[in-house]
Amino acid sequence: MRIEVDKFNSVIFGLKMGNVVDCPETIKAEDVRDMILNAKSNGFQHLNAKVSADKKEAVNILLQNGFKLVDTQLMYQINVRISEERWPDNLIFRNYRKDDCVQIADIAREAYTLDQFHSDKELPSYLCDKYYVEWMNNSCNGFADKVMVLSRDAAVTGYITINYENGHSAVAGLAAIGKRYRNKGYFTCLIGETLKMLFEEGVTRMMYGTQLVNRPVLHTMSRYSGIPIYSNHILHRMV
């Protein structure tokens, strides 16, 4: 078990933030206490631990030593296929353009509320919002292999980022629909069109991660026969 500096998060939140990695099933309380002391001595101010949901004892020991559960994430695998559903004719699924940046940033700034950062009461909400804006800015500047948007007339209504793995797999990074366009089936359309695009590219599966409490996304995953393949508890601790 060790701590790695998270440079991106540290810059966003103005804290030295570290990720706890290689957390074993057989973790002991004294191991966690030693890790926290080591973190303090190395100037860390915030720790983030991602623990497989089947490591219940490790999760309990972290909780007993000051960590707080802030999120439970599910990873879905969807077999890529073409949806037979029909979408409104005025919805267009296309590659992102540079002139979409402002609208994408506006969606990213307000889209996320259920994530690990907004659930951590020690982190200011406006910086949590900034985290996703900067992630999308980076995605548009090459961090993601592809950024696709769903648009209606001149308005960007949503987006999804994609990274490809070994030619046959794709991983969705960030996806969101603008607040004013929710509850209209736009997210279902976004995922359906993404799967169609991947099918035409010869990709056979897409991985999509979400929060256990994000019911609209869970519903869409079920609609496209997504299978949960693993889950992680996310725990944070101020040092």
Protein backbone atom coordinates (compact mmCIF):
# COMPACT_ATOMS: atom_id res chain seq x y z
CA MET A 1 0.00 0.00 0.00
CA ARG A 2 1.49 3.31 -1.08
CA ILE A 3 0.50 6.89 -1.95
CA GLU A 4 0.94 8.48 -5.36
CA VAL A 5 0.69 12.23 -5.91
CA ASP A 6 -2.31 13.23 -8.02
CA LYS A 7 -0.93 16.27 -9.83
CA PHE A 8 -4.11 17.21 -11.68
CA ASN A 9 -6.31 17.11 -8.58
CA SER A 10 -3.69 18.93 -6.52
CA VAL A 11 -3.66 21.84 -8.96
CA ILE A 12 -7.46 22.06 -9.13
CA PHE A 13 -8.09 21.94 -5.39
CA GLY A 14 -4.96 23.71 -4.15
CA LEU A 15 -4.07 20.79 -1.87
CA LYS A 16 -1.40 18.13 -2.05
CA MET A 17 -3.65 15.20 -2.93
CA GLY A 18 -2.61 11.58 -3.04
CA ASN A 19 -4.12 8.33 -4.29
CA VAL A 20 -3.81 5.24 -2.12
CA VAL A 21 -2.84 2.34 -4.38
CA ASP A 22 -2.26 -1.39 -3.93
CA CYS A 23 -4.64 -1.65 -0.98
CA PRO A 24 -4.65 -5.36 0.03
CA GLU A 25 -7.57 -7.39 1.34
CA THR A 26 -5.58 -8.20 4.49
CA ILE A 27 -4.95 -4.59 5.49
CA LYS A 28 -4.47 -3.97 9.21
CA ALA A 29 -5.39 -0.92 11.28
CA GLU A 30 -1.73 -0.25 12.10
CA ASP A 31 -0.93 -0.27 8.38
CA VAL A 32 -3.50 2.49 7.80
CA ARG A 33 -2.23 4.52 10.77
CA ASP A 34 1.36 4.21 9.51
CA MET A 35 0.23 5.28 6.03
CA ILE A 36 -1.52 8.38 7.42
CA LEU A 37 1.56 9.34 9.47
CA ASN A 38 3.71 8.88 6.38
CA ALA A 39 1.29 11.02 4.36
CA LYS A 40 1.50 13.81 6.93
CA SER A 41 5.28 13.71 6.99
CA ASN A 42 5.33 14.02 3.20
CA GLY A 43 3.00 17.00 3.13
CA PHE A 44 -0.14 15.32 1.84
CA GLN A 45 -3.38 17.08 2.77
CA HIS A 46 -5.99 14.81 1.18
CA LEU A 47 -6.09 11.08 0.42
CA ASN A 48 -8.25 9.18 -2.06
CA ALA A 49 -8.62 5.40 -1.77
CA LYS A 50 -10.36 3.24 -4.38
CA VAL A 51 -11.17 -0.19 -2.95
CA SER A 52 -12.89 -3.08 -4.69
CA ALA A 53 -16.37 -3.61 -3.25
CA ASP A 54 -15.49 -7.20 -2.38
CA LYS A 55 -12.77 -6.06 0.04
CA LYS A 56 -15.23 -5.33 2.84
CA GLU A 57 -12.77 -5.71 5.71
CA ALA A 58 -10.36 -3.26 4.13
CA VAL A 59 -13.18 -0.74 3.64
CA ASN A 60 -14.25 -1.06 7.29
CA ILE A 61 -10.71 -0.55 8.57
CA LEU A 62 -10.28 2.57 6.44
CA LEU A 63 -13.61 3.91 7.76
CA GLN A 64 -12.52 3.24 11.34
CA ASN A 65 -9.39 5.32 10.72
CA GLY A 66 -10.99 8.52 9.52
CA PHE A 67 -11.76 7.81 5.88
CA LYS A 68 -15.26 8.67 4.63
CA LEU A 69 -17.21 6.82 1.96
CA VAL A 70 -17.97 9.35 -0.80
CA ASP A 71 -18.94 7.20 -3.76
CA THR A 72 -19.54 3.69 -5.06
CA GLN A 73 -18.73 3.28 -8.72
CA LEU A 74 -19.95 0.62 -11.13
CA MET A 75 -18.22 -0.31 -14.37
CA TYR A 76 -20.50 -1.60 -17.13
CA GLN A 77 -19.63 -3.50 -20.26
CA ILE A 78 -21.96 -3.01 -23.23
CA ASN A 79 -21.75 -5.18 -26.32
CA VAL A 80 -21.71 -2.75 -29.22
CA ARG A 81 -24.68 -2.89 -31.58
CA ILE A 82 -26.85 -0.59 -33.68
CA SER A 83 -29.97 0.62 -31.93
CA GLU A 84 -33.21 0.37 -33.86
CA GLU A 85 -34.67 3.31 -31.96
CA ARG A 86 -35.63 6.47 -33.80
CA TRP A 87 -34.51 9.86 -32.57
CA PRO A 88 -35.95 13.30 -33.33
CA ASP A 89 -34.73 14.55 -36.69
CA ASN A 90 -33.35 17.75 -35.19
CA LEU A 91 -30.81 15.86 -33.02
CA ILE A 92 -27.37 15.56 -34.59
CA PHE A 93 -24.53 13.38 -33.27
CA ARG A 94 -21.19 14.67 -34.50
CA ASN A 95 -17.55 15.30 -33.71
CA TYR A 96 -16.82 18.20 -31.39
CA ARG A 97 -15.68 21.46 -32.97
CA LYS A 98 -13.55 24.21 -31.45
CA ASP A 99 -16.51 26.56 -31.40
CA ASP A 100 -18.35 24.10 -29.11
CA CYS A 101 -15.88 24.68 -26.26
CA VAL A 102 -17.87 27.32 -24.36
CA GLN A 103 -21.09 25.31 -24.44
CA ILE A 104 -19.27 22.11 -23.43
CA ALA A 105 -17.68 23.91 -20.49
CA ASP A 106 -21.06 25.27 -19.41
CA ILE A 107 -22.55 21.76 -19.40
CA ALA A 108 -19.55 20.32 -17.53
CA ARG A 109 -19.73 23.07 -14.89
CA GLU A 110 -23.27 22.16 -13.85
CA ALA A 111 -23.67 18.51 -14.83
CA TYR A 112 -22.04 16.65 -11.96
CA THR A 113 -23.42 16.45 -8.43
CA LEU A 114 -23.32 12.76 -7.45
CA ASP A 115 -19.58 12.22 -7.93
CA GLN A 116 -16.90 11.61 -5.31
CA PHE A 117 -15.74 15.23 -5.22
CA HIS A 118 -19.13 16.90 -4.76
CA SER A 119 -19.89 14.26 -2.11
CA ASP A 120 -16.79 15.27 -0.14
CA LYS A 121 -17.91 18.14 2.11
CA GLU A 122 -14.28 19.16 2.65
CA LEU A 123 -13.95 20.25 -0.98
CA PRO A 124 -15.57 23.51 -2.20
CA SER A 125 -18.33 22.91 -4.74
CA TYR A 126 -17.03 25.53 -7.15
CA LEU A 127 -13.69 23.72 -7.34
CA CYS A 128 -15.47 20.41 -7.89
CA ASP A 129 -17.25 22.08 -10.81
CA LYS A 130 -13.93 23.41 -12.09
CA TYR A 131 -12.48 19.87 -11.97
CA TYR A 132 -14.92 18.70 -14.64
CA VAL A 133 -14.55 21.82 -16.75
CA GLU A 134 -10.79 21.31 -16.85
CA TRP A 135 -11.20 17.59 -17.55
CA MET A 136 -13.37 18.43 -20.55
CA ASN A 137 -10.95 21.14 -21.71
CA ASN A 138 -8.15 18.59 -21.60
CA SER A 139 -10.31 16.01 -23.38
CA CYS A 140 -10.98 18.45 -26.20
CA ASN A 141 -7.25 19.17 -26.42
CA GLY A 142 -6.17 15.57 -26.93
CA PHE A 143 -6.61 13.82 -23.58
CA ALA A 144 -9.52 11.86 -25.11
CA ASP A 145 -9.17 10.02 -28.40
CA LYS A 146 -12.54 11.40 -29.47
CA VAL A 147 -15.10 13.92 -28.18
CA MET A 148 -18.60 13.62 -29.63
CA VAL A 149 -21.47 16.01 -29.08
CA LEU A 150 -25.23 15.81 -29.42
CA SER A 151 -26.58 19.04 -30.87
CA ARG A 152 -29.96 20.54 -31.68
CA ASP A 153 -29.97 23.50 -34.04
CA ALA A 154 -26.99 25.57 -32.88
CA ALA A 155 -27.02 24.29 -29.29
CA VAL A 156 -24.80 21.57 -27.86
CA THR A 157 -27.15 19.49 -25.72
CA GLY A 158 -24.62 16.92 -24.47
CA TYR A 159 -21.26 15.25 -25.01
CA ILE A 160 -19.31 12.03 -24.49
CA THR A 161 -15.56 11.35 -24.53
CA ILE A 162 -14.11 8.11 -25.86
CA ASN A 163 -10.75 6.39 -25.54
CA TYR A 164 -9.90 3.28 -27.52
CA GLU A 165 -8.14 0.18 -26.21
CA ASN A 166 -6.48 -2.59 -28.29
CA GLY A 167 -8.63 -1.93 -31.33
CA HIS A 168 -11.74 -3.75 -30.12
CA SER A 169 -12.68 -1.88 -26.93
CA ALA A 170 -13.70 1.67 -26.11
CA VAL A 171 -13.96 3.39 -22.74
CA ALA A 172 -16.37 6.26 -22.16
CA GLY A 173 -14.81 8.95 -20.00
CA LEU A 174 -17.14 11.85 -19.29
CA ALA A 175 -20.68 12.09 -20.62
CA ALA A 176 -23.40 14.58 -19.77
CA ILE A 177 -26.57 16.25 -20.97
CA GLY A 178 -27.22 19.93 -20.27
CA LYS A 179 -29.75 20.56 -17.50
CA ARG A 180 -32.35 22.16 -19.75
CA TYR A 181 -32.34 19.10 -22.05
CA ARG A 182 -32.76 16.38 -19.45
CA ASN A 183 -35.75 14.03 -19.14
CA LYS A 184 -36.22 14.11 -22.91
CA GLY A 185 -34.39 10.89 -23.82
CA TYR A 186 -31.28 12.74 -24.98
CA PHE A 187 -28.88 10.65 -22.87
CA THR A 188 -30.38 7.46 -24.31
CA CYS A 189 -29.86 8.93 -27.76
CA LEU A 190 -26.27 9.91 -26.91
CA ILE A 191 -25.39 6.36 -25.85
CA GLY A 192 -27.29 4.80 -28.74
CA GLU A 193 -25.51 6.95 -31.30
CA THR A 194 -22.14 6.27 -29.65
CA LEU A 195 -22.74 2.52 -29.88
CA LYS A 196 -23.71 2.89 -33.54
CA MET A 197 -20.52 4.82 -34.26
CA LEU A 198 -18.38 2.23 -32.48
CA PHE A 199 -20.12 -0.60 -34.33
CA GLU A 200 -19.29 1.04 -37.65
CA GLU A 201 -15.66 1.39 -36.50
CA GLY A 202 -15.42 -2.33 -35.72
CA VAL A 203 -15.34 -1.90 -31.94
CA THR A 204 -17.09 -4.76 -30.13
CA ARG A 205 -17.57 -3.45 -26.59
CA MET A 206 -17.79 -0.20 -24.64
CA MET A 207 -16.95 0.26 -20.97
CA TYR A 208 -18.96 2.84 -19.05
CA GLY A 209 -18.44 3.82 -15.41
CA THR A 210 -21.07 5.50 -13.26
CA GLN A 211 -22.21 6.01 -9.67
CA LEU A 212 -24.37 3.47 -7.87
CA VAL A 213 -26.89 6.25 -7.12
CA ASN A 214 -27.12 7.60 -10.68
CA ARG A 215 -30.48 6.01 -11.52
CA PRO A 216 -31.02 7.62 -14.95
CA VAL A 217 -27.67 6.27 -16.17
CA LEU A 218 -28.29 2.85 -14.60
CA HIS A 219 -31.60 2.73 -16.46
CA THR A 220 -29.88 3.49 -19.76
CA MET A 221 -27.21 0.87 -19.10
CA SER A 222 -29.98 -1.69 -18.59
CA ARG A 223 -31.73 -0.52 -21.75
CA TYR A 224 -28.61 -1.32 -23.76
CA SER A 225 -28.02 -4.65 -21.93
CA GLY A 226 -25.03 -3.34 -20.01
CA ILE A 227 -23.47 -5.85 -17.61
CA PRO A 228 -21.80 -4.62 -14.40
CA ILE A 229 -18.37 -6.24 -14.30
CA TYR A 230 -16.88 -4.68 -11.15
CA SER A 231 -17.50 -2.01 -8.54
CA ASN A 232 -15.32 0.13 -6.28
CA HIS A 233 -15.91 2.06 -3.08
CA ILE A 234 -14.25 5.50 -3.07
CA LEU A 235 -13.06 6.84 0.29
CA HIS A 236 -11.52 10.23 1.10
CA ARG A 237 -9.63 11.53 4.12
CA MET A 238 -8.23 14.93 5.01
CA VAL A 239 -4.78 14.56 6.53
